[in-house]
Amino acid sequence: MIDPTSFGTALTALAVVAAMVIAFGLAVLSDMAMRRREDRAATADPSAEPRGSADRGEASAEQPGRTRELVASAPTGDPAANGSSSG
């Protein structure tokens, strides 16, 4: 026969793990949707001003294509690839 205490503990652990998997899954989906939106905005009209900057009369520090510029200028050597400083 199954001990009720251990059965309850197992169900609680299973519920906690399932909740964490769902939370991380939703975070990944949200991140993918945000990146897709940013990519679409960057390729739609690169000459357009960011939303809201015309109202305040200021330029936005973060331009839509900024991510691609940062990736293009990132170091690509072996230590930079995995974050290791030993080589």
PDB file of N, CA and C in Angstrom:
ATOM      1  N   MET A   1       0.838  -1.181   0.000  1.00  0.00           N
ATOM      2  CA  MET A   1       0.000   0.000   0.000  1.00  0.00           C
ATOM      3  C   MET A   1       0.891   1.256   0.000  1.00  0.00           C
ATOM      4  N   ILE A   2       0.413   2.300  -0.623  1.00  0.00           N
ATOM      5  CA  ILE A   2       1.171   3.550  -0.730  1.00  0.00           C
ATOM      6  C   ILE A   2       0.956   4.383   0.525  1.00  0.00           C
ATOM      7  N   ASP A   3       2.065   4.888   1.055  1.00  0.00           N
ATOM      8  CA  ASP A   3       1.995   5.769   2.216  1.00  0.00           C
ATOM      9  C   ASP A   3       1.414   7.110   1.783  1.00  0.00           C
ATOM     10  N   PRO A   4       0.329   7.571   2.417  1.00  0.00           N
ATOM     11  CA  PRO A   4      -0.305   8.829   1.993  1.00  0.00           C
ATOM     12  C   PRO A   4       0.628  10.047   2.063  1.00  0.00           C
ATOM     13  N   THR A   5       1.531  10.064   3.024  1.00  0.00           N
ATOM     14  CA  THR A   5       2.437  11.197   3.161  1.00  0.00           C
ATOM     15  C   THR A   5       3.405  11.255   1.983  1.00  0.00           C
ATOM     16  N   SER A   6       3.980  10.131   1.613  1.00  0.00           N
ATOM     17  CA  SER A   6       4.923  10.135   0.496  1.00  0.00           C
ATOM     18  C   SER A   6       4.204  10.391  -0.825  1.00  0.00           C
ATOM     19  N   PHE A   7       2.977   9.913  -0.923  1.00  0.00           N
ATOM     20  CA  PHE A   7       2.197  10.148  -2.140  1.00  0.00           C
ATOM     21  C   PHE A   7       1.898  11.647  -2.293  1.00  0.00           C
ATOM     22  N   GLY A   8       1.533  12.305  -1.202  1.00  0.00           N
ATOM     23  CA  GLY A   8       1.276  13.750  -1.235  1.00  0.00           C
ATOM     24  C   GLY A   8       2.531  14.534  -1.562  1.00  0.00           C
ATOM     25  N   THR A   9       3.663  14.108  -1.019  1.00  0.00           N
ATOM     26  CA  THR A   9       4.932  14.772  -1.306  1.00  0.00           C
ATOM     27  C   THR A   9       5.300  14.617  -2.776  1.00  0.00           C
ATOM     28  N   ALA A  10       5.082  13.423  -3.310  1.00  0.00           N
ATOM     29  CA  ALA A  10       5.381  13.191  -4.725  1.00  0.00           C
ATOM     30  C   ALA A  10       4.489  14.039  -5.619  1.00  0.00           C
ATOM     31  N   LEU A  11       3.208  14.131  -5.285  1.00  0.00           N
ATOM     32  CA  LEU A  11       2.305  14.969  -6.082  1.00  0.00           C
ATOM     33  C   LEU A  11       2.694  16.441  -6.001  1.00  0.00           C
ATOM     34  N   THR A  12       3.090  16.896  -4.821  1.00  0.00           N
ATOM     35  CA  THR A  12       3.513  18.289  -4.664  1.00  0.00           C
ATOM     36  C   THR A  12       4.770  18.564  -5.490  1.00  0.00           C
ATOM     37  N   ALA A  13       5.726  17.661  -5.436  1.00  0.00           N
ATOM     38  CA  ALA A  13       6.954  17.834  -6.218  1.00  0.00           C
ATOM     39  C   ALA A  13       6.644  17.841  -7.711  1.00  0.00           C
ATOM     40  N   LEU A  14       5.764  16.951  -8.139  1.00  0.00           N
ATOM     41  CA  LEU A  14       5.370  16.901  -9.545  1.00  0.00           C
ATOM     42  C   LEU A  14       4.668  18.197  -9.964  1.00  0.00           C
ATOM     43  N   ALA A  15       3.823  18.739  -9.107  1.00  0.00           N
ATOM     44  CA  ALA A  15       3.133  19.998  -9.418  1.00  0.00           C
ATOM     45  C   ALA A  15       4.117  21.159  -9.521  1.00  0.00           C
ATOM     46  N   VAL A  16       5.102  21.188  -8.632  1.00  0.00           N
ATOM     47  CA  VAL A  16       6.100  22.262  -8.659  1.00  0.00           C
ATOM     48  C   VAL A  16       6.930  22.178  -9.934  1.00  0.00           C
ATOM     49  N   VAL A  17       7.365  20.983 -10.291  1.00  0.00           N
ATOM     50  CA  VAL A  17       8.151  20.815 -11.510  1.00  0.00           C
ATOM     51  C   VAL A  17       7.323  21.183 -12.739  1.00  0.00           C
ATOM     52  N   ALA A  18       6.070  20.753 -12.778  1.00  0.00           N
ATOM     53  CA  ALA A  18       5.201  21.081 -13.919  1.00  0.00           C
ATOM     54  C   ALA A  18       4.984  22.593 -14.027  1.00  0.00           C
ATOM     55  N   ALA A  19       4.802  23.266 -12.898  1.00  0.00           N
ATOM     56  CA  ALA A  19       4.614  24.718 -12.913  1.00  0.00           C
ATOM     57  C   ALA A  19       5.869  25.425 -13.423  1.00  0.00           C
ATOM     58  N   MET A  20       7.043  24.930 -13.034  1.00  0.00           N
ATOM     59  CA  MET A  20       8.293  25.544 -13.502  1.00  0.00           C
ATOM     60  C   MET A  20       8.473  25.329 -15.004  1.00  0.00           C
ATOM     61  N   VAL A  21       8.153  24.142 -15.479  1.00  0.00           N
ATOM     62  CA  VAL A  21       8.268  23.872 -16.914  1.00  0.00           C
ATOM     63  C   VAL A  21       7.332  24.769 -17.703  1.00  0.00           C
ATOM     64  N   ILE A  22       6.118  24.938 -17.225  1.00  0.00           N
ATOM     65  CA  ILE A  22       5.167  25.817 -17.908  1.00  0.00           C
ATOM     66  C   ILE A  22       5.639  27.267 -17.878  1.00  0.00           C
ATOM     67  N   ALA A  23       6.153  27.715 -16.734  1.00  0.00           N
ATOM     68  CA  ALA A  23       6.617  29.103 -16.622  1.00  0.00           C
ATOM     69  C   ALA A  23       7.793  29.368 -17.562  1.00  0.00           C
ATOM     70  N   PHE A  24       8.761  28.453 -17.593  1.00  0.00           N
ATOM     71  CA  PHE A  24       9.900  28.646 -18.484  1.00  0.00           C
ATOM     72  C   PHE A  24       9.485  28.539 -19.944  1.00  0.00           C
ATOM     73  N   GLY A  25       8.545  27.665 -20.253  1.00  0.00           N
ATOM     74  CA  GLY A  25       8.045  27.557 -21.625  1.00  0.00           C
ATOM     75  C   GLY A  25       7.380  28.844 -22.084  1.00  0.00           C
ATOM     76  N   LEU A  26       6.576  29.439 -21.213  1.00  0.00           N
ATOM     77  CA  LEU A  26       5.930  30.704 -21.554  1.00  0.00           C
ATOM     78  C   LEU A  26       6.957  31.825 -21.702  1.00  0.00           C
ATOM     79  N   ALA A  27       7.983  31.810 -20.879  1.00  0.00           N
ATOM     80  CA  ALA A  27       9.030  32.833 -20.990  1.00  0.00           C
ATOM     81  C   ALA A  27       9.767  32.708 -22.324  1.00  0.00           C
ATOM     82  N   VAL A  28      10.033  31.484 -22.746  1.00  0.00           N
ATOM     83  CA  VAL A  28      10.719  31.270 -24.025  1.00  0.00           C
ATOM     84  C   VAL A  28       9.834  31.737 -25.176  1.00  0.00           C
ATOM     85  N   LEU A  29       8.555  31.387 -25.140  1.00  0.00           N
ATOM     86  CA  LEU A  29       7.639  31.822 -26.197  1.00  0.00           C
ATOM     87  C   LEU A  29       7.518  33.342 -26.237  1.00  0.00           C
ATOM     88  N   SER A  30       7.459  33.967 -25.081  1.00  0.00           N
ATOM     89  CA  SER A  30       7.376  35.422 -25.016  1.00  0.00           C
ATOM     90  C   SER A  30       8.618  36.072 -25.597  1.00  0.00           C
ATOM     91  N   ASP A  31       9.787  35.529 -25.267  1.00  0.00           N
ATOM     92  CA  ASP A  31      11.046  36.064 -25.777  1.00  0.00           C
ATOM     93  C   ASP A  31      11.120  35.915 -27.298  1.00  0.00           C
ATOM     94  N   MET A  32      10.689  34.754 -27.802  1.00  0.00           N
ATOM     95  CA  MET A  32      10.712  34.534 -29.251  1.00  0.00           C
ATOM     96  C   MET A  32       9.776  35.518 -29.954  1.00  0.00           C
ATOM     97  N   ALA A  33       8.599  35.756 -29.373  1.00  0.00           N
ATOM     98  CA  ALA A  33       7.655  36.694 -29.977  1.00  0.00           C
ATOM     99  C   ALA A  33       8.214  38.112 -29.975  1.00  0.00           C
ATOM    100  N   MET A  34       8.877  38.498 -28.888  1.00  0.00           N
ATOM    101  CA  MET A  34       9.453  39.839 -28.809  1.00  0.00           C
ATOM    102  C   MET A  34      10.568  40.007 -29.847  1.00  0.00           C
ATOM    103  N   ARG A  35      11.431  39.002 -29.968  1.00  0.00           N
ATOM    104  CA  ARG A  35      12.510  39.093 -30.955  1.00  0.00           C
ATOM    105  C   ARG A  35      11.950  39.145 -32.372  1.00  0.00           C
ATOM    106  N   ARG A  36      10.915  38.384 -32.633  1.00  0.00           N
ATOM    107  CA  ARG A  36      10.313  38.401 -33.966  1.00  0.00           C
ATOM    108  C   ARG A  36       9.727  39.777 -34.269  1.00  0.00           C
ATOM    109  N   ARG A  37       9.078  40.367 -33.254  1.00  0.00           N
ATOM    110  CA  ARG A  37       8.511  41.704 -33.429  1.00  0.00           C
ATOM    111  C   ARG A  37       9.606  42.721 -33.698  1.00  0.00           C
ATOM    112  N   GLU A  38      10.724  42.617 -32.966  1.00  0.00           N
ATOM    113  CA  GLU A  38      11.844  43.530 -33.187  1.00  0.00           C
ATOM    114  C   GLU A  38      12.432  43.356 -34.582  1.00  0.00           C
ATOM    115  N   ASP A  39      12.569  42.112 -35.021  1.00  0.00           N
ATOM    116  CA  ASP A  39      13.111  41.863 -36.359  1.00  0.00           C
ATOM    117  C   ASP A  39      12.199  42.422 -37.439  1.00  0.00           C
ATOM    118  N   ARG A  40      10.902  42.257 -37.263  1.00  0.00           N
ATOM    119  CA  ARG A  40       9.955  42.808 -38.253  1.00  0.00           C
ATOM    120  C   ARG A  40      10.020  44.326 -38.282  1.00  0.00           C
ATOM    121  N   ALA A  41      10.128  44.929 -37.111  1.00  0.00           N
ATOM    122  CA  ALA A  41      10.202  46.386 -37.048  1.00  0.00           C
ATOM    123  C   ALA A  41      11.492  46.890 -37.691  1.00  0.00           C
ATOM    124  N   ALA A  42      12.562  46.147 -37.534  1.00  0.00           N
ATOM    125  CA  ALA A  42      13.848  46.568 -38.093  1.00  0.00           C
ATOM    126  C   ALA A  42      13.862  46.452 -39.610  1.00  0.00           C
ATOM    127  N   THR A  43      13.176  45.457 -40.154  1.00  0.00           N
ATOM    128  CA  THR A  43      13.191  45.263 -41.596  1.00  0.00           C
ATOM    129  C   THR A  43      12.052  45.986 -42.302  1.00  0.00           C
ATOM    130  N   ALA A  44      11.036  46.418 -41.574  1.00  0.00           N
ATOM    131  CA  ALA A  44       9.876  47.064 -42.196  1.00  0.00           C
ATOM    132  C   ALA A  44      10.254  48.392 -42.840  1.00  0.00           C
ATOM    133  N   ASP A  45      10.800  49.311 -42.051  1.00  0.00           N
ATOM    134  CA  ASP A  45      11.155  50.626 -42.569  1.00  0.00           C
ATOM    135  C   ASP A  45      12.317  51.176 -41.747  1.00  0.00           C
ATOM    136  N   PRO A  46      13.531  50.903 -42.135  1.00  0.00           N
ATOM    137  CA  PRO A  46      14.669  51.333 -41.321  1.00  0.00           C
ATOM    138  C   PRO A  46      14.838  52.844 -41.235  1.00  0.00           C
ATOM    139  N   SER A  47      14.230  53.600 -42.142  1.00  0.00           N
ATOM    140  CA  SER A  47      14.379  55.050 -42.094  1.00  0.00           C
ATOM    141  C   SER A  47      13.331  55.716 -41.212  1.00  0.00           C
ATOM    142  N   ALA A  48      12.354  54.968 -40.769  1.00  0.00           N
ATOM    143  CA  ALA A  48      11.292  55.550 -39.939  1.00  0.00           C
ATOM    144  C   ALA A  48      11.812  55.824 -38.534  1.00  0.00           C
ATOM    145  N   GLU A  49      11.277  56.891 -37.903  1.00  0.00           N
ATOM    146  CA  GLU A  49      11.651  57.220 -36.537  1.00  0.00           C
ATOM    147  C   GLU A  49      10.956  56.270 -35.581  1.00  0.00           C
ATOM    148  N   PRO A  50      11.576  55.969 -34.438  1.00  0.00           N
ATOM    149  CA  PRO A  50      10.914  55.133 -33.435  1.00  0.00           C
ATOM    150  C   PRO A  50       9.662  55.826 -32.914  1.00  0.00           C
ATOM    151  N   ARG A  51       8.708  55.034 -32.479  1.00  0.00           N
ATOM    152  CA  ARG A  51       7.444  55.578 -31.989  1.00  0.00           C
ATOM    153  C   ARG A  51       7.664  56.491 -30.798  1.00  0.00           C
ATOM    154  N   GLY A  52       6.996  57.636 -30.779  1.00  0.00           N
ATOM    155  CA  GLY A  52       7.032  58.537 -29.644  1.00  0.00           C
ATOM    156  C   GLY A  52       8.135  59.564 -29.682  1.00  0.00           C
ATOM    157  N   SER A  53       9.168  59.388 -30.468  1.00  0.00           N
ATOM    158  CA  SER A  53      10.263  60.351 -30.444  1.00  0.00           C
ATOM    159  C   SER A  53       9.876  61.653 -31.128  1.00  0.00           C
ATOM    160  N   ALA A  54       8.957  61.607 -32.081  1.00  0.00           N
ATOM    161  CA  ALA A  54       8.532  62.832 -32.755  1.00  0.00           C
ATOM    162  C   ALA A  54       7.726  63.717 -31.811  1.00  0.00           C
ATOM    163  N   ASP A  55       6.985  63.089 -30.874  1.00  0.00           N
ATOM    164  CA  ASP A  55       6.172  63.856 -29.936  1.00  0.00           C
ATOM    165  C   ASP A  55       7.038  64.617 -28.941  1.00  0.00           C
ATOM    166  N   ARG A  56       8.112  64.022 -28.489  1.00  0.00           N
ATOM    167  CA  ARG A  56       8.950  64.643 -27.470  1.00  0.00           C
ATOM    168  C   ARG A  56      10.095  65.441 -28.069  1.00  0.00           C
ATOM    169  N   GLY A  57      10.327  65.273 -29.344  1.00  0.00           N
ATOM    170  CA  GLY A  57      11.399  66.001 -29.992  1.00  0.00           C
ATOM    171  C   GLY A  57      12.781  65.469 -29.652  1.00  0.00           C
ATOM    172  N   GLU A  58      12.874  64.184 -29.291  1.00  0.00           N
ATOM    173  CA  GLU A  58      14.164  63.598 -28.943  1.00  0.00           C
ATOM    174  C   GLU A  58      14.382  62.319 -29.734  1.00  0.00           C
ATOM    175  N   ALA A  59      15.628  61.995 -29.940  1.00  0.00           N
ATOM    176  CA  ALA A  59      15.959  60.767 -30.663  1.00  0.00           C
ATOM    177  C   ALA A  59      16.101  59.628 -29.665  1.00  0.00           C
ATOM    178  N   SER A  60      15.651  58.472 -30.053  1.00  0.00           N
ATOM    179  CA  SER A  60      15.762  57.296 -29.195  1.00  0.00           C
ATOM    180  C   SER A  60      17.188  56.772 -29.227  1.00  0.00           C
ATOM    181  N   ALA A  61      17.708  56.365 -28.071  1.00  0.00           N
ATOM    182  CA  ALA A  61      19.071  55.831 -28.003  1.00  0.00           C
ATOM    183  C   ALA A  61      19.141  54.439 -28.606  1.00  0.00           C
ATOM    184  N   GLU A  62      18.050  53.694 -28.549  1.00  0.00           N
ATOM    185  CA  GLU A  62      18.024  52.321 -29.050  1.00  0.00           C
ATOM    186  C   GLU A  62      17.291  52.278 -30.382  1.00  0.00           C
ATOM    187  N   GLN A  63      18.033  52.186 -31.451  1.00  0.00           N
ATOM    188  CA  GLN A  63      17.448  52.118 -32.787  1.00  0.00           C
ATOM    189  C   GLN A  63      17.063  50.681 -33.097  1.00  0.00           C
ATOM    190  N   PRO A  64      16.097  50.437 -33.999  1.00  0.00           N
ATOM    191  CA  PRO A  64      15.652  49.073 -34.290  1.00  0.00           C
ATOM    192  C   PRO A  64      16.757  48.142 -34.771  1.00  0.00           C
ATOM    193  N   GLY A  65      17.716  48.607 -35.556  1.00  0.00           N
ATOM    194  CA  GLY A  65      18.751  47.744 -36.086  1.00  0.00           C
ATOM    195  C   GLY A  65      19.977  47.635 -35.191  1.00  0.00           C
ATOM    196  N   ARG A  66      19.901  48.157 -34.002  1.00  0.00           N
ATOM    197  CA  ARG A  66      21.053  48.197 -33.092  1.00  0.00           C
ATOM    198  C   ARG A  66      21.533  46.799 -32.721  1.00  0.00           C
ATOM    199  N   THR A  67      20.634  45.840 -32.568  1.00  0.00           N
ATOM    200  CA  THR A  67      21.029  44.488 -32.191  1.00  0.00           C
ATOM    201  C   THR A  67      21.937  43.878 -33.248  1.00  0.00           C
ATOM    202  N   ARG A  68      21.594  44.054 -34.500  1.00  0.00           N
ATOM    203  CA  ARG A  68      22.415  43.496 -35.577  1.00  0.00           C
ATOM    204  C   ARG A  68      23.797  44.154 -35.599  1.00  0.00           C
ATOM    205  N   GLU A  69      23.873  45.454 -35.312  1.00  0.00           N
ATOM    206  CA  GLU A  69      25.165  46.136 -35.263  1.00  0.00           C
ATOM    207  C   GLU A  69      26.031  45.570 -34.135  1.00  0.00           C
ATOM    208  N   LEU A  70      25.417  45.338 -32.983  1.00  0.00           N
ATOM    209  CA  LEU A  70      26.165  44.806 -31.851  1.00  0.00           C
ATOM    210  C   LEU A  70      26.650  43.385 -32.134  1.00  0.00           C
ATOM    211  N   VAL A  71      25.813  42.589 -32.762  1.00  0.00           N
ATOM    212  CA  VAL A  71      26.206  41.219 -33.088  1.00  0.00           C
ATOM    213  C   VAL A  71      27.324  41.225 -34.122  1.00  0.00           C
ATOM    214  N   ALA A  72      27.246  42.118 -35.079  1.00  0.00           N
ATOM    215  CA  ALA A  72      28.267  42.175 -36.120  1.00  0.00           C
ATOM    216  C   ALA A  72      29.618  42.594 -35.554  1.00  0.00           C
ATOM    217  N   SER A  73      29.629  43.415 -34.520  1.00  0.00           N
ATOM    218  CA  SER A  73      30.898  43.883 -33.963  1.00  0.00           C
ATOM    219  C   SER A  73      31.365  43.051 -32.771  1.00  0.00           C
ATOM    220  N   ALA A  74      30.644  41.986 -32.410  1.00  0.00           N
ATOM    221  CA  ALA A  74      31.008  41.160 -31.260  1.00  0.00           C
ATOM    222  C   ALA A  74      32.231  40.310 -31.581  1.00  0.00           C
ATOM    223  N   PRO A  75      33.087  40.082 -30.603  1.00  0.00           N
ATOM    224  CA  PRO A  75      34.252  39.226 -30.834  1.00  0.00           C
ATOM    225  C   PRO A  75      33.809  37.785 -31.069  1.00  0.00           C
ATOM    226  N   THR A  76      34.539  37.081 -31.924  1.00  0.00           N
ATOM    227  CA  THR A  76      34.138  35.717 -32.271  1.00  0.00           C
ATOM    228  C   THR A  76      35.220  34.691 -31.980  1.00  0.00           C
ATOM    229  N   GLY A  77      36.256  35.050 -31.267  1.00  0.00           N
ATOM    230  CA  GLY A  77      37.320  34.108 -30.945  1.00  0.00           C
ATOM    231  C   GLY A  77      36.837  33.020 -29.986  1.00  0.00           C
ATOM    232  N   ASP A  78      37.663  32.003 -29.771  1.00  0.00           N
ATOM    233  CA  ASP A  78      37.291  30.897 -28.899  1.00  0.00           C
ATOM    234  C   ASP A  78      36.941  31.339 -27.478  1.00  0.00           C
ATOM    235  N   PRO A  79      37.744  32.161 -26.801  1.00  0.00           N
ATOM    236  CA  PRO A  79      37.357  32.569 -25.447  1.00  0.00           C
ATOM    237  C   PRO A  79      36.056  33.353 -25.417  1.00  0.00           C
ATOM    238  N   ALA A  80      35.781  34.134 -26.446  1.00  0.00           N
ATOM    239  CA  ALA A  80      34.545  34.901 -26.458  1.00  0.00           C
ATOM    240  C   ALA A  80      33.345  34.013 -26.740  1.00  0.00           C
ATOM    241  N   ALA A  81      33.558  32.905 -27.414  1.00  0.00           N
ATOM    242  CA  ALA A  81      32.443  32.048 -27.799  1.00  0.00           C
ATOM    243  C   ALA A  81      31.802  31.371 -26.589  1.00  0.00           C
ATOM    244  N   ASN A  82      32.595  30.972 -25.602  1.00  0.00           N
ATOM    245  CA  ASN A  82      32.013  30.278 -24.453  1.00  0.00           C
ATOM    246  C   ASN A  82      32.178  31.025 -23.133  1.00  0.00           C
ATOM    247  N   GLY A  83      32.708  32.202 -23.152  1.00  0.00           N
ATOM    248  CA  GLY A  83      32.867  32.992 -21.951  1.00  0.00           C
ATOM    249  C   GLY A  83      34.044  32.584 -21.081  1.00  0.00           C
ATOM    250  N   SER A  84      34.830  31.650 -21.548  1.00  0.00           N
ATOM    251  CA  SER A  84      35.969  31.184 -20.781  1.00  0.00           C
ATOM    252  C   SER A  84      37.166  32.118 -20.984  1.00  0.00           C
ATOM    253  N   SER A  85      37.877  32.375 -19.895  1.00  0.00           N
ATOM    254  CA  SER A  85      39.061  33.234 -20.015  1.00  0.00           C
ATOM    255  C   SER A  85      40.331  32.417 -20.142  1.00  0.00           C
ATOM    256  N   SER A  86      40.229  31.110 -19.931  1.00  0.00           N
ATOM    257  CA  SER A  86      41.422  30.276 -20.079  1.00  0.00           C
ATOM    258  C   SER A  86      41.537  29.827 -21.514  1.00  0.00           C
ATOM    259  N   GLY A  87      42.708  29.737 -22.013  1.00  0.00           N
ATOM    260  CA  GLY A  87      42.797  29.374 -23.411  1.00  0.00           C
ATOM    261  C   GLY A  87      44.013  28.647 -23.707  1.00  0.00           C
TER     262      GLY A  87
END
